[in-house]
C-alpha atoms as a PDB file:
ATOM      1  CA  UNK A   1      -1.074  -2.125 -13.320  1.00  0.00           C
ATOM      2  CA  UNK A   2       1.757  -0.524 -12.415  1.00  0.00           C
ATOM      3  CA  UNK A   3       3.181  -3.295  -9.884  1.00  0.00           C
ATOM      4  CA  UNK A   4       2.667  -7.047 -10.352  1.00  0.00           C
ATOM      5  CA  UNK A   5       6.022  -7.918  -8.734  1.00  0.00           C
ATOM      6  CA  UNK A   6       3.640  -7.483  -5.742  1.00  0.00           C
ATOM      7  CA  UNK A   7       1.803 -10.407  -6.625  1.00  0.00           C
ATOM      8  CA  UNK A   8       2.848 -13.808  -4.961  1.00  0.00           C
ATOM      9  CA  UNK A   9       0.710 -16.036  -7.590  1.00  0.00           C
ATOM     10  CA  UNK A  10       2.094 -19.922  -7.176  1.00  0.00           C
ATOM     11  CA  UNK A  11       1.963 -21.834 -11.152  1.00  0.00           C
ATOM     12  CA  UNK A  12      -1.047 -23.771  -9.443  1.00  0.00           C
ATOM     13  CA  UNK A  13      -2.810 -21.024  -8.070  1.00  0.00           C
ATOM     14  CA  UNK A  14      -6.499 -20.477 -10.060  1.00  0.00           C
ATOM     15  CA  UNK A  15      -6.481 -16.715 -10.516  1.00  0.00           C
ATOM     16  CA  UNK A  16     -10.012 -14.634 -11.157  1.00  0.00           C
ATOM     17  CA  UNK A  17      -9.575 -10.684 -11.978  1.00  0.00           C
ATOM     18  CA  UNK A  18     -12.475  -8.853 -11.342  1.00  0.00           C
ATOM     19  CA  UNK A  19     -12.792  -5.270 -13.478  1.00  0.00           C
ATOM     20  CA  UNK A  20     -10.091  -6.300 -15.947  1.00  0.00           C
ATOM     21  CA  UNK A  21     -11.006  -3.728 -18.657  1.00  0.00           C
ATOM     22  CA  UNK A  22      -8.945  -4.019 -21.721  1.00  0.00           C
ATOM     23  CA  UNK A  23      -6.143  -5.207 -20.097  1.00  0.00           C
ATOM     24  CA  UNK A  24      -6.099  -8.011 -17.988  1.00  0.00           C
ATOM     25  CA  UNK A  25      -2.711  -9.558 -16.376  1.00  0.00           C
ATOM     26  CA  UNK A  26      -1.855 -12.453 -18.568  1.00  0.00           C
ATOM     27  CA  UNK A  27      -1.791 -14.977 -15.282  1.00  0.00           C
ATOM     28  CA  UNK A  28      -5.678 -14.301 -14.442  1.00  0.00           C
ATOM     29  CA  UNK A  29      -7.606 -17.949 -15.367  1.00  0.00           C
ATOM     30  CA  UNK A  30     -11.154 -16.005 -15.809  1.00  0.00           C
ATOM     31  CA  UNK A  31     -12.561 -12.613 -15.227  1.00  0.00           C
ATOM     32  CA  UNK A  32     -15.781 -10.983 -13.820  1.00  0.00           C
ATOM     33  CA  UNK A  33     -17.496  -7.693 -14.064  1.00  0.00           C
ATOM     34  CA  UNK A  34     -20.537  -5.243 -13.791  1.00  0.00           C
ATOM     35  CA  UNK A  35     -20.053  -4.903 -17.365  1.00  0.00           C
ATOM     36  CA  UNK A  36     -19.624  -7.177 -20.322  1.00  0.00           C
ATOM     37  CA  UNK A  37     -18.870  -6.748 -23.713  1.00  0.00           C
ATOM     38  CA  UNK A  38     -22.580  -5.371 -24.882  1.00  0.00           C
ATOM     39  CA  UNK A  39     -22.633  -2.648 -22.325  1.00  0.00           C
ATOM     40  CA  UNK A  40     -22.632   0.759 -23.206  1.00  0.00           C
ATOM     41  CA  UNK A  41     -20.164   2.655 -20.994  1.00  0.00           C
ATOM     42  CA  UNK A  42     -17.878   5.220 -21.110  1.00  0.00           C
ATOM     43  CA  UNK A  43     -14.314   3.464 -22.349  1.00  0.00           C
ATOM     44  CA  UNK A  44     -12.663   5.361 -19.706  1.00  0.00           C
ATOM     45  CA  UNK A  45     -13.811   2.938 -17.359  1.00  0.00           C
ATOM     46  CA  UNK A  46     -11.552   0.135 -19.288  1.00  0.00           C
ATOM     47  CA  UNK A  47      -8.474   2.517 -19.661  1.00  0.00           C
ATOM     48  CA  UNK A  48      -9.889   4.621 -22.884  1.00  0.00           C
ATOM     49  CA  UNK A  49     -10.376   1.025 -25.143  1.00  0.00           C
ATOM     50  CA  UNK A  50     -13.445  -1.248 -25.227  1.00  0.00           C
ATOM     51  CA  UNK A  51     -13.434  -4.256 -22.567  1.00  0.00           C
ATOM     52  CA  UNK A  52     -11.527  -7.291 -23.598  1.00  0.00           C
ATOM     53  CA  UNK A  53     -10.375 -10.352 -21.817  1.00  0.00           C
ATOM     54  CA  UNK A  54      -8.255 -11.139 -24.284  1.00  0.00           C
ATOM     55  CA  UNK A  55     -10.129 -14.831 -24.566  1.00  0.00           C
ATOM     56  CA  UNK A  56     -10.537 -15.410 -20.655  1.00  0.00           C
ATOM     57  CA  UNK A  57     -13.984 -16.501 -19.976  1.00  0.00           C
ATOM     58  CA  UNK A  58     -15.969 -13.582 -18.450  1.00  0.00           C
ATOM     59  CA  UNK A  59     -18.900 -13.661 -15.845  1.00  0.00           C
ATOM     60  CA  UNK A  60     -21.163 -11.180 -14.742  1.00  0.00           C
ATOM     61  CA  UNK A  61     -20.984  -9.363 -10.887  1.00  0.00           C
ATOM     62  CA  UNK A  62     -24.964  -8.759 -10.292  1.00  0.00           C
ATOM     63  CA  UNK A  63     -26.177  -7.332  -7.446  1.00  0.00           C
ATOM     64  CA  UNK A  64     -22.744  -6.433  -6.250  1.00  0.00           C
ATOM     65  CA  UNK A  65     -22.472 -10.587  -5.425  1.00  0.00           C
ATOM     66  CA  UNK A  66     -19.628 -12.224  -7.599  1.00  0.00           C
ATOM     67  CA  UNK A  67     -21.484 -15.832  -9.111  1.00  0.00           C
ATOM     68  CA  UNK A  68     -19.128 -17.761  -7.425  1.00  0.00           C
ATOM     69  CA  UNK A  69     -19.258 -20.455  -4.457  1.00  0.00           C
ATOM     70  CA  UNK A  70     -16.688 -19.540  -1.313  1.00  0.00           C
ATOM     71  CA  UNK A  71     -13.129 -19.733  -1.907  1.00  0.00           C
ATOM     72  CA  UNK A  72     -13.190 -20.689  -5.608  1.00  0.00           C
ATOM     73  CA  UNK A  73     -10.025 -19.535  -5.959  1.00  0.00           C
ATOM     74  CA  UNK A  74      -7.052 -19.532  -4.899  1.00  0.00           C
ATOM     75  CA  UNK A  75      -6.086 -15.626  -5.666  1.00  0.00           C
ATOM     76  CA  UNK A  76      -7.595 -12.220  -6.606  1.00  0.00           C
ATOM     77  CA  UNK A  77      -6.577  -9.690  -8.504  1.00  0.00           C
ATOM     78  CA  UNK A  78      -8.636  -6.237  -8.448  1.00  0.00           C
ATOM     79  CA  UNK A  79      -6.442  -3.360 -10.291  1.00  0.00           C
ATOM     80  CA  UNK A  80      -7.383  -0.232 -10.339  1.00  0.00           C
ATOM     81  CA  UNK A  81     -11.563  -0.630  -9.918  1.00  0.00           C
ATOM     82  CA  UNK A  82     -11.701   0.581  -6.562  1.00  0.00           C
ATOM     83  CA  UNK A  83     -11.787   4.028  -7.616  1.00  0.00           C
ATOM     84  CA  UNK A  84     -14.874   3.400  -9.820  1.00  0.00           C
ATOM     85  CA  UNK A  85     -17.161   1.840  -7.000  1.00  0.00           C
ATOM     86  CA  UNK A  86     -19.254   4.057  -5.511  1.00  0.00           C
ATOM     87  CA  UNK A  87     -17.766   4.284  -1.519  1.00  0.00           C
ATOM     88  CA  UNK A  88     -21.065   2.739  -0.061  1.00  0.00           C
ATOM     89  CA  UNK A  89     -20.667  -0.258  -2.269  1.00  0.00           C
ATOM     90  CA  UNK A  90     -17.028  -1.062  -1.279  1.00  0.00           C
ATOM     91  CA  UNK A  91     -17.608  -2.948   1.877  1.00  0.00           C
ATOM     92  CA  UNK A  92     -19.340  -5.601  -0.208  1.00  0.00           C
ATOM     93  CA  UNK A  93     -16.962  -5.657  -2.721  1.00  0.00           C
ATOM     94  CA  UNK A  94     -14.653  -6.209  -0.263  1.00  0.00           C
ATOM     95  CA  UNK A  95     -16.196  -8.988   1.680  1.00  0.00           C
ATOM     96  CA  UNK A  96     -16.746 -10.857  -1.665  1.00  0.00           C
ATOM     97  CA  UNK A  97     -13.537 -10.908  -2.964  1.00  0.00           C
ATOM     98  CA  UNK A  98     -12.127 -12.370   0.310  1.00  0.00           C
ATOM     99  CA  UNK A  99     -15.730 -14.663   0.392  1.00  0.00           C
ATOM    100  CA  UNK A 100     -14.482 -16.506  -3.110  1.00  0.00           C
ATOM    101  CA  UNK A 101     -10.618 -15.950  -2.719  1.00  0.00           C
ATOM    102  CA  UNK A 102      -7.716 -16.647  -0.447  1.00  0.00           C
ATOM    103  CA  UNK A 103      -5.454 -13.980  -1.032  1.00  0.00           C
ATOM    104  CA  UNK A 104      -5.846 -10.407  -3.057  1.00  0.00           C
ATOM    105  CA  UNK A 105      -3.879  -8.358  -4.831  1.00  0.00           C
ATOM    106  CA  UNK A 106      -5.420  -4.377  -4.882  1.00  0.00           C
ATOM    107  CA  UNK A 107      -4.198  -1.812  -6.482  1.00  0.00           C
ATOM    108  CA  UNK A 108      -5.719   1.841  -7.141  1.00  0.00           C
ATOM    109  CA  UNK A 109      -4.416   5.754  -7.955  1.00  0.00           C
ATOM    110  CA  UNK A 110      -3.123   7.347  -5.237  1.00  0.00           C
ATOM    111  CA  UNK A 111      -5.074  11.359  -4.866  1.00  0.00           C
ATOM    112  CA  UNK A 112      -2.157  12.747  -6.515  1.00  0.00           C
ATOM    113  CA  UNK A 113      -3.019  10.861  -9.828  1.00  0.00           C
ATOM    114  CA  UNK A 114      -6.758  12.488  -9.245  1.00  0.00           C
ATOM    115  CA  UNK A 115      -5.551  16.262  -8.452  1.00  0.00           C
ATOM    116  CA  UNK A 116      -3.251  16.010 -11.516  1.00  0.00           C
ATOM    117  CA  UNK A 117      -5.854  14.247 -13.843  1.00  0.00           C
ATOM    118  CA  UNK A 118      -9.527  14.128 -11.969  1.00  0.00           C
ATOM    119  CA  UNK A 119     -10.950  11.677 -14.243  1.00  0.00           C
ATOM    120  CA  UNK A 120     -14.744  11.633 -14.018  1.00  0.00           C
ATOM    121  CA  UNK A 121     -15.119   7.949 -13.833  1.00  0.00           C
ATOM    122  CA  UNK A 122     -13.281   8.001 -10.008  1.00  0.00           C
ATOM    123  CA  UNK A 123     -15.660   8.511  -7.870  1.00  0.00           C
ATOM    124  CA  UNK A 124     -12.994   8.162  -4.745  1.00  0.00           C
ATOM    125  CA  UNK A 125      -9.544   8.837  -3.689  1.00  0.00           C
ATOM    126  CA  UNK A 126      -7.614   6.316  -1.821  1.00  0.00           C
ATOM    127  CA  UNK A 127      -4.496   5.344  -0.191  1.00  0.00           C
ATOM    128  CA  UNK A 128      -2.633   2.332   1.681  1.00  0.00           C
ATOM    129  CA  UNK A 129      -1.352   3.372   4.962  1.00  0.00           C
ATOM    130  CA  UNK A 130       0.169   0.318   7.387  1.00  0.00           C
ATOM    131  CA  UNK A 131      -2.204  -2.193   5.720  1.00  0.00           C
ATOM    132  CA  UNK A 132      -5.430  -0.400   5.599  1.00  0.00           C
ATOM    133  CA  UNK A 133      -7.117   1.357   3.135  1.00  0.00           C
ATOM    134  CA  UNK A 134      -8.147   4.816   3.163  1.00  0.00           C
ATOM    135  CA  UNK A 135     -10.793   6.711   1.087  1.00  0.00           C
ATOM    136  CA  UNK A 136     -13.356   9.251   0.927  1.00  0.00           C
ATOM    137  CA  UNK A 137     -15.645  10.289  -1.469  1.00  0.00           C
ATOM    138  CA  UNK A 138     -14.274  12.637  -4.353  1.00  0.00           C
ATOM    139  CA  UNK A 139     -17.649  14.338  -3.486  1.00  0.00           C
ATOM    140  CA  UNK A 140     -15.986  15.555   0.203  1.00  0.00           C
ATOM    141  CA  UNK A 141     -12.781  16.681  -1.546  1.00  0.00           C
ATOM    142  CA  UNK A 142     -12.182  20.354  -2.637  1.00  0.00           C
ATOM    143  CA  UNK A 143     -10.767  18.749  -6.245  1.00  0.00           C
ATOM    144  CA  UNK A 144     -13.568  20.784  -7.886  1.00  0.00           C
ATOM    145  CA  UNK A 145     -11.327  24.211  -7.389  1.00  0.00           C
ATOM    146  CA  UNK A 146      -8.403  22.322  -9.683  1.00  0.00           C
ATOM    147  CA  UNK A 147     -10.596  21.286 -12.474  1.00  0.00           C
ATOM    148  CA  UNK A 148      -8.596  23.653 -15.141  1.00  0.00           C
ATOM    149  CA  UNK A 149      -5.712  22.255 -13.930  1.00  0.00           C
ATOM    150  CA  UNK A 150      -6.759  19.099 -13.992  1.00  0.00           C
ATOM    151  CA  UNK A 151      -8.132  19.353 -17.610  1.00  0.00           C
ATOM    152  CA  UNK A 152      -5.673  21.066 -19.181  1.00  0.00           C
ATOM    153  CA  UNK A 153      -3.230  17.596 -17.448  1.00  0.00           C
ATOM    154  CA  UNK A 154      -5.639  15.670 -19.133  1.00  0.00           C
ATOM    155  CA  UNK A 155      -5.426  17.192 -22.515  1.00  0.00           C
ATOM    156  CA  UNK A 156      -1.714  17.595 -22.504  1.00  0.00           C
ATOM    157  CA  UNK A 157      -1.513  13.427 -21.410  1.00  0.00           C
ATOM    158  CA  UNK A 158      -4.003  12.887 -24.330  1.00  0.00           C
ATOM    159  CA  UNK A 159      -1.612  14.174 -26.778  1.00  0.00           C
ATOM    160  CA  UNK A 160       1.504  12.857 -25.328  1.00  0.00           C
ATOM    161  CA  UNK A 161       3.360  16.201 -24.488  1.00  0.00           C
ATOM    162  CA  UNK A 162       2.932  15.416 -20.324  1.00  0.00           C
ATOM    163  CA  UNK A 163       2.822  11.771 -18.034  1.00  0.00           C
ATOM    164  CA  UNK A 164       3.485  11.466 -14.515  1.00  0.00           C
ATOM    165  CA  UNK A 165       2.458   7.634 -15.048  1.00  0.00           C
ATOM    166  CA  UNK A 166       5.546   6.729 -16.645  1.00  0.00           C
ATOM    167  CA  UNK A 167       7.952   8.827 -14.431  1.00  0.00           C
ATOM    168  CA  UNK A 168       6.518   8.638 -10.951  1.00  0.00           C
ATOM    169  CA  UNK A 169       4.430   5.723 -10.667  1.00  0.00           C
ATOM    170  CA  UNK A 170       5.266   5.590  -6.778  1.00  0.00           C
ATOM    171  CA  UNK A 171       3.756   9.049  -6.606  1.00  0.00           C
ATOM    172  CA  UNK A 172       0.438   8.285  -8.422  1.00  0.00           C
ATOM    173  CA  UNK A 173      -0.005   4.909  -8.129  1.00  0.00           C
ATOM    174  CA  UNK A 174      -0.131   2.074  -4.935  1.00  0.00           C
ATOM    175  CA  UNK A 175      -0.598  -1.949  -4.788  1.00  0.00           C
ATOM    176  CA  UNK A 176      -0.743  -4.505  -1.709  1.00  0.00           C
ATOM    177  CA  UNK A 177      -1.753  -7.982  -1.071  1.00  0.00           C
ATOM    178  CA  UNK A 178      -3.898  -8.895   1.629  1.00  0.00           C
ATOM    179  CA  UNK A 179      -4.458 -12.274   2.975  1.00  0.00           C
ATOM    180  CA  UNK A 180      -7.187 -12.903   5.803  1.00  0.00           C
ATOM    181  CA  UNK A 181      -8.662  -9.694   5.304  1.00  0.00           C
ATOM    182  CA  UNK A 182      -8.909  -6.496   3.558  1.00  0.00           C
ATOM    183  CA  UNK A 183      -9.053  -3.099   6.132  1.00  0.00           C
ATOM    184  CA  UNK A 184     -10.606  -0.528   5.031  1.00  0.00           C
ATOM    185  CA  UNK A 185     -11.645   2.869   6.419  1.00  0.00           C
ATOM    186  CA  UNK A 186     -14.083   5.521   4.904  1.00  0.00           C
ATOM    187  CA  UNK A 187     -12.909   8.938   6.553  1.00  0.00           C
ATOM    188  CA  UNK A 188     -15.901  11.951   5.615  1.00  0.00           C
ATOM    189  CA  UNK A 189     -13.563  14.656   6.090  1.00  0.00           C
ATOM    190  CA  UNK A 190     -11.066  16.011   3.639  1.00  0.00           C
ATOM    191  CA  UNK A 191      -8.511  17.014   6.428  1.00  0.00           C
ATOM    192  CA  UNK A 192      -8.717  14.114   8.198  1.00  0.00           C
ATOM    193  CA  UNK A 193      -8.195  11.899   4.797  1.00  0.00           C
ATOM    194  CA  UNK A 194      -5.146  14.226   4.209  1.00  0.00           C
ATOM    195  CA  UNK A 195      -3.569  14.112   7.431  1.00  0.00           C
ATOM    196  CA  UNK A 196      -3.768  10.110   7.853  1.00  0.00           C
ATOM    197  CA  UNK A 197      -2.282   9.812   4.302  1.00  0.00           C
ATOM    198  CA  UNK A 198       0.518  12.153   4.822  1.00  0.00           C
ATOM    199  CA  UNK A 199       2.137   9.979   7.495  1.00  0.00           C
ATOM    200  CA  UNK A 200       2.608   7.350   4.936  1.00  0.00           C
ATOM    201  CA  UNK A 201       5.722   5.735   4.075  1.00  0.00           C
ATOM    202  CA  UNK A 202       4.516   2.922   1.869  1.00  0.00           C
ATOM    203  CA  UNK A 203       5.426   3.821  -1.586  1.00  0.00           C
ATOM    204  CA  UNK A 204       5.566   1.062  -4.464  1.00  0.00           C
ATOM    205  CA  UNK A 205       8.299   0.648  -7.040  1.00  0.00           C
ATOM    206  CA  UNK A 206       8.267  -0.564 -10.553  1.00  0.00           C
ATOM    207  CA  UNK A 207       9.306  -4.136 -11.331  1.00  0.00           C
ATOM    208  CA  UNK A 208      13.220  -4.320 -12.180  1.00  0.00           C
ATOM    209  CA  UNK A 209      13.949  -5.210 -15.974  1.00  0.00           C
ATOM    210  CA  UNK A 210      15.218  -8.148 -14.741  1.00  0.00           C
ATOM    211  CA  UNK A 211      11.904  -8.765 -12.915  1.00  0.00           C
ATOM    212  CA  UNK A 212       9.782  -8.128 -16.266  1.00  0.00           C
ATOM    213  CA  UNK A 213      11.865 -10.204 -18.806  1.00  0.00           C
ATOM    214  CA  UNK A 214      11.457 -13.277 -16.457  1.00  0.00           C
ATOM    215  CA  UNK A 215       7.726 -12.741 -16.323  1.00  0.00           C
ATOM    216  CA  UNK A 216       7.684 -12.433 -20.189  1.00  0.00           C
ATOM    217  CA  UNK A 217       9.236 -15.791 -20.568  1.00  0.00           C
ATOM    218  CA  UNK A 218       7.351 -16.746 -17.309  1.00  0.00           C
ATOM    219  CA  UNK A 219       6.954 -21.017 -18.405  1.00  0.00           C
ATOM    220  CA  UNK A 220       2.911 -20.519 -17.006  1.00  0.00           C
ATOM    221  CA  UNK A 221       2.670 -17.710 -19.341  1.00  0.00           C
ATOM    222  CA  UNK A 222       4.518 -19.789 -22.271  1.00  0.00           C
ATOM    223  CA  UNK A 223       2.156 -22.866 -22.025  1.00  0.00           C
ATOM    224  CA  UNK A 224      -0.674 -20.178 -22.002  1.00  0.00           C
ATOM    225  CA  UNK A 225      -0.025 -18.791 -25.355  1.00  0.00           C
ATOM    226  CA  UNK A 226       0.420 -21.923 -26.518  1.00  0.00           C
ATOM    227  CA  UNK A 227      -2.869 -24.307 -25.367  1.00  0.00           C
ATOM    228  CA  UNK A 228      -5.064 -21.163 -24.915  1.00  0.00           C
ATOM    229  CA  UNK A 229      -7.135 -19.892 -21.690  1.00  0.00           C
ATOM    230  CA  UNK A 230      -9.749 -22.368 -20.220  1.00  0.00           C
ATOM    231  CA  UNK A 231     -12.950 -22.300 -21.520  1.00  0.00           C
ATOM    232  CA  UNK A 232     -15.944 -20.992 -19.215  1.00  0.00           C
ATOM    233  CA  UNK A 233     -16.938 -25.383 -18.844  1.00  0.00           C
ATOM    234  CA  UNK A 234     -13.833 -25.708 -16.626  1.00  0.00           C
ATOM    235  CA  UNK A 235     -15.330 -23.341 -13.718  1.00  0.00           C
ATOM    236  CA  UNK A 236     -18.758 -25.017 -13.832  1.00  0.00           C
ATOM    237  CA  UNK A 237     -17.946 -25.967 -10.606  1.00  0.00           C
ATOM    238  CA  UNK A 238     -17.015 -22.999  -9.118  1.00  0.00           C
ATOM    239  CA  UNK A 239     -20.451 -21.252  -9.896  1.00  0.00           C
ATOM    240  CA  UNK A 240     -23.082 -20.757  -7.391  1.00  0.00           C
ATOM    241  CA  UNK A 241     -26.182 -22.574  -8.771  1.00  0.00           C
END
């Protein structure tokens, strides 16, 4: 996650994180994923490491449905997930997020990221324009024409010789906090997609050093480190029967 400062989570909020990978955010209370620790899957899905919830309870998403009752959570975190979800399943995911949660923070790579690295596990190109998620299936683009460049960039990244992540986070990723609804527009033509996102003026910045320091010593974070994460039994009342 590049822009955690964009999340406005109250100390009393119950927080669900969808698709935590190997790096769940400290503030999440439990996690949900289509995978679990026994799943045989390309670890690129999880940021290059095995799925690890850091002790947070993990619940399975089955048939696209979250196993929770309506409005079970105050806040949903869904960071770097949308790029992995088949485009015809995104509307289901969005409806499930808003069904179980009141607010949601969504973050994903911007198109520039995939033009540089083109991870095979990314199936969509996305951006956020005027509070609306704009999406196109990667198969509908000419991304394959720069595949050799992407392979070289990825190789240099793996060797720690090249990385746009640290230098230009606002160019390669975007995050947004949604409340009430999550607008999604699926585009089928590549030129139309790029015409829309080219007019974008929304770019995120990394959190300030002061914010990062305060986040590290947040009282809630210290408390969780002392007493541990909520147990699976805590969420029984939230689960669908």
